[in-house]
N, C-alpha and C. Protein backbone atom coordinates (compact mmCIF):
# COMPACT_ATOMS: atom_id res chain seq x y z
N MET A 1 0.83 -1.18 0.00
CA MET A 1 0.00 0.00 0.00
C MET A 1 0.88 1.24 0.00
N LYS A 2 0.48 2.18 -0.83
CA LYS A 2 1.17 3.46 -0.86
C LYS A 2 0.12 4.57 -0.86
N PHE A 3 0.08 5.30 0.23
CA PHE A 3 -0.90 6.36 0.36
C PHE A 3 -0.45 7.61 -0.38
N CYS A 4 -1.42 8.34 -0.90
CA CYS A 4 -1.12 9.61 -1.57
C CYS A 4 -0.60 10.61 -0.55
N THR A 5 0.34 11.41 -0.97
CA THR A 5 0.87 12.46 -0.10
C THR A 5 -0.11 13.63 -0.08
N PRO A 6 0.00 14.49 0.93
CA PRO A 6 -0.86 15.68 0.95
C PRO A 6 -0.72 16.53 -0.31
N THR A 7 0.48 16.59 -0.87
CA THR A 7 0.70 17.35 -2.11
C THR A 7 -0.05 16.71 -3.28
N GLN A 8 -0.02 15.38 -3.36
CA GLN A 8 -0.74 14.69 -4.43
C GLN A 8 -2.24 14.90 -4.30
N ILE A 9 -2.75 14.83 -3.09
CA ILE A 9 -4.19 15.04 -2.88
C ILE A 9 -4.57 16.47 -3.23
N LYS A 10 -3.69 17.43 -2.90
CA LYS A 10 -3.96 18.83 -3.25
C LYS A 10 -4.01 19.00 -4.77
N LYS A 11 -3.08 18.37 -5.49
CA LYS A 11 -3.08 18.46 -6.95
C LYS A 11 -4.32 17.80 -7.55
N LEU A 12 -4.72 16.67 -6.98
CA LEU A 12 -5.86 15.93 -7.50
C LEU A 12 -7.17 16.69 -7.28
N THR A 13 -7.30 17.31 -6.12
CA THR A 13 -8.56 17.96 -5.76
C THR A 13 -8.60 19.44 -6.09
N GLY A 14 -7.42 20.08 -6.21
CA GLY A 14 -7.37 21.51 -6.49
C GLY A 14 -7.56 22.39 -5.27
N THR A 15 -7.47 21.81 -4.08
CA THR A 15 -7.63 22.59 -2.86
C THR A 15 -6.77 22.00 -1.75
N LYS A 16 -6.45 22.83 -0.74
CA LYS A 16 -5.69 22.32 0.39
C LYS A 16 -6.57 22.19 1.65
N VAL A 17 -7.83 22.55 1.52
CA VAL A 17 -8.77 22.46 2.64
C VAL A 17 -9.29 21.02 2.72
N PRO A 18 -9.03 20.33 3.84
CA PRO A 18 -9.41 18.91 3.94
C PRO A 18 -10.88 18.62 3.63
N ALA A 19 -11.79 19.42 4.14
CA ALA A 19 -13.22 19.16 3.88
C ALA A 19 -13.54 19.27 2.39
N GLU A 20 -12.93 20.24 1.72
CA GLU A 20 -13.15 20.40 0.28
C GLU A 20 -12.49 19.26 -0.49
N GLN A 21 -11.37 18.76 0.00
CA GLN A 21 -10.71 17.62 -0.63
C GLN A 21 -11.60 16.38 -0.58
N VAL A 22 -12.22 16.16 0.56
CA VAL A 22 -13.11 15.01 0.72
C VAL A 22 -14.27 15.11 -0.26
N VAL A 23 -14.86 16.29 -0.37
CA VAL A 23 -15.97 16.51 -1.29
C VAL A 23 -15.52 16.24 -2.73
N ALA A 24 -14.36 16.78 -3.10
CA ALA A 24 -13.86 16.61 -4.47
C ALA A 24 -13.59 15.14 -4.78
N LEU A 25 -13.02 14.41 -3.84
CA LEU A 25 -12.74 12.98 -4.06
C LEU A 25 -14.05 12.20 -4.21
N ARG A 26 -15.01 12.50 -3.37
CA ARG A 26 -16.30 11.79 -3.46
C ARG A 26 -17.03 12.11 -4.75
N GLN A 27 -16.89 13.34 -5.25
CA GLN A 27 -17.50 13.69 -6.53
C GLN A 27 -16.89 12.89 -7.67
N ARG A 28 -15.66 12.46 -7.49
CA ARG A 28 -14.97 11.64 -8.49
C ARG A 28 -15.22 10.15 -8.27
N GLY A 29 -16.10 9.83 -7.34
CA GLY A 29 -16.44 8.43 -7.09
C GLY A 29 -15.48 7.71 -6.17
N LEU A 30 -14.63 8.46 -5.47
CA LEU A 30 -13.67 7.87 -4.54
C LEU A 30 -14.15 8.10 -3.12
N ASN A 31 -13.97 7.12 -2.27
CA ASN A 31 -14.41 7.23 -0.89
C ASN A 31 -13.20 7.08 0.03
N PRO A 32 -12.53 8.19 0.35
CA PRO A 32 -11.32 8.10 1.15
C PRO A 32 -11.59 7.83 2.61
N PHE A 33 -10.59 7.30 3.30
CA PHE A 33 -10.63 7.21 4.75
C PHE A 33 -10.38 8.62 5.27
N ILE A 34 -11.08 9.00 6.31
CA ILE A 34 -10.91 10.33 6.89
C ILE A 34 -10.20 10.19 8.23
N CYS A 35 -9.05 10.86 8.37
CA CYS A 35 -8.32 10.83 9.63
C CYS A 35 -9.18 11.47 10.71
N PRO A 36 -9.47 10.76 11.81
CA PRO A 36 -10.36 11.31 12.83
C PRO A 36 -9.76 12.50 13.58
N HIS A 37 -8.45 12.63 13.58
CA HIS A 37 -7.82 13.73 14.32
C HIS A 37 -7.72 15.02 13.51
N THR A 38 -7.45 14.88 12.21
CA THR A 38 -7.23 16.07 11.39
C THR A 38 -8.32 16.33 10.37
N GLY A 39 -9.11 15.32 10.03
CA GLY A 39 -10.16 15.46 9.02
C GLY A 39 -9.64 15.37 7.60
N THR A 40 -8.34 15.06 7.45
CA THR A 40 -7.77 14.97 6.11
C THR A 40 -8.08 13.63 5.46
N PRO A 41 -8.28 13.63 4.16
CA PRO A 41 -8.55 12.37 3.46
C PRO A 41 -7.26 11.56 3.29
N ILE A 42 -7.41 10.26 3.42
CA ILE A 42 -6.30 9.32 3.20
C ILE A 42 -6.79 8.32 2.18
N ILE A 43 -6.02 8.18 1.10
CA ILE A 43 -6.45 7.28 0.03
C ILE A 43 -5.23 6.62 -0.60
N ASP A 44 -5.37 5.37 -0.94
CA ASP A 44 -4.28 4.63 -1.55
C ASP A 44 -4.18 4.97 -3.03
N GLU A 45 -2.94 5.07 -3.51
CA GLU A 45 -2.72 5.40 -4.92
C GLU A 45 -3.37 4.39 -5.87
N SER A 46 -3.39 3.13 -5.46
CA SER A 46 -3.95 2.10 -6.35
C SER A 46 -5.44 2.31 -6.58
N VAL A 47 -6.14 2.87 -5.62
CA VAL A 47 -7.57 3.14 -5.78
C VAL A 47 -7.79 4.21 -6.85
N ILE A 48 -6.95 5.23 -6.82
CA ILE A 48 -7.06 6.30 -7.81
C ILE A 48 -6.70 5.78 -9.19
N LEU A 49 -5.63 5.01 -9.27
CA LEU A 49 -5.22 4.46 -10.57
C LEU A 49 -6.29 3.54 -11.14
N ALA A 50 -6.88 2.71 -10.30
CA ALA A 50 -7.93 1.80 -10.76
C ALA A 50 -9.14 2.57 -11.27
N SER A 51 -9.49 3.66 -10.59
CA SER A 51 -10.64 4.44 -11.04
C SER A 51 -10.35 5.14 -12.36
N MET A 52 -9.10 5.54 -12.56
CA MET A 52 -8.73 6.19 -13.81
C MET A 52 -8.73 5.20 -14.98
N MET A 53 -8.46 3.94 -14.69
CA MET A 53 -8.40 2.92 -15.72
C MET A 53 -9.74 2.23 -15.92
N GLY A 54 -10.74 2.59 -15.11
CA GLY A 54 -12.06 2.01 -15.27
C GLY A 54 -12.14 0.57 -14.84
N LYS A 55 -11.39 0.18 -13.81
CA LYS A 55 -11.37 -1.20 -13.38
C LYS A 55 -12.42 -1.51 -12.34
N SER A 56 -13.38 -0.64 -12.14
CA SER A 56 -14.41 -0.91 -11.15
C SER A 56 -15.31 -2.07 -11.58
N ASP A 57 -15.31 -2.42 -12.87
CA ASP A 57 -16.12 -3.54 -13.34
C ASP A 57 -15.54 -4.87 -12.89
N ASP A 58 -14.28 -4.89 -12.47
CA ASP A 58 -13.66 -6.12 -12.00
C ASP A 58 -14.15 -6.51 -10.62
N LEU A 59 -14.77 -5.57 -9.91
CA LEU A 59 -15.23 -5.83 -8.55
C LEU A 59 -16.63 -6.44 -8.59
N PRO A 60 -16.93 -7.35 -7.64
CA PRO A 60 -18.28 -7.91 -7.61
C PRO A 60 -19.30 -6.84 -7.24
N HIS A 61 -20.45 -6.88 -7.88
CA HIS A 61 -21.45 -5.85 -7.66
C HIS A 61 -22.43 -6.20 -6.56
N GLU A 62 -22.53 -7.46 -6.22
CA GLU A 62 -23.41 -7.83 -5.12
C GLU A 62 -22.81 -9.02 -4.38
N PHE A 63 -23.20 -9.15 -3.14
CA PHE A 63 -22.67 -10.20 -2.29
C PHE A 63 -23.29 -11.54 -2.65
N GLU A 64 -22.45 -12.56 -2.77
CA GLU A 64 -22.93 -13.93 -3.01
C GLU A 64 -22.39 -14.82 -1.90
N PHE A 65 -23.28 -15.41 -1.14
CA PHE A 65 -22.91 -16.27 -0.03
C PHE A 65 -22.42 -17.61 -0.55
N ASN A 66 -21.27 -18.06 -0.08
CA ASN A 66 -20.68 -19.33 -0.48
C ASN A 66 -20.86 -20.34 0.65
N GLU A 67 -21.95 -21.13 0.58
CA GLU A 67 -22.25 -22.11 1.63
C GLU A 67 -21.19 -23.22 1.70
N GLU A 68 -20.61 -23.57 0.58
CA GLU A 68 -19.62 -24.65 0.55
C GLU A 68 -18.39 -24.33 1.38
N ALA A 69 -18.08 -23.08 1.54
CA ALA A 69 -16.92 -22.67 2.32
C ALA A 69 -17.09 -23.01 3.80
N PHE A 70 -18.32 -23.20 4.27
CA PHE A 70 -18.57 -23.49 5.67
C PHE A 70 -18.82 -24.97 5.95
N ASN A 71 -18.76 -25.80 4.92
CA ASN A 71 -18.98 -27.24 5.11
C ASN A 71 -17.68 -27.96 5.42
């Protein structure tokens, strides 16, 4: 895992205000972790790269229970 630096997040969102950064990331379909102490968004670079490449279709869209795994 490699988290984006504050400078990278500022470039991506166009702002240095944490609350505005969170809004900008969510508008782009990203859901960052929010640091409870500072309110700054924390997001892994791979999440941003995957969203840019349109790889969200690789993820399962609904939960499927696997009963065989518990037998």
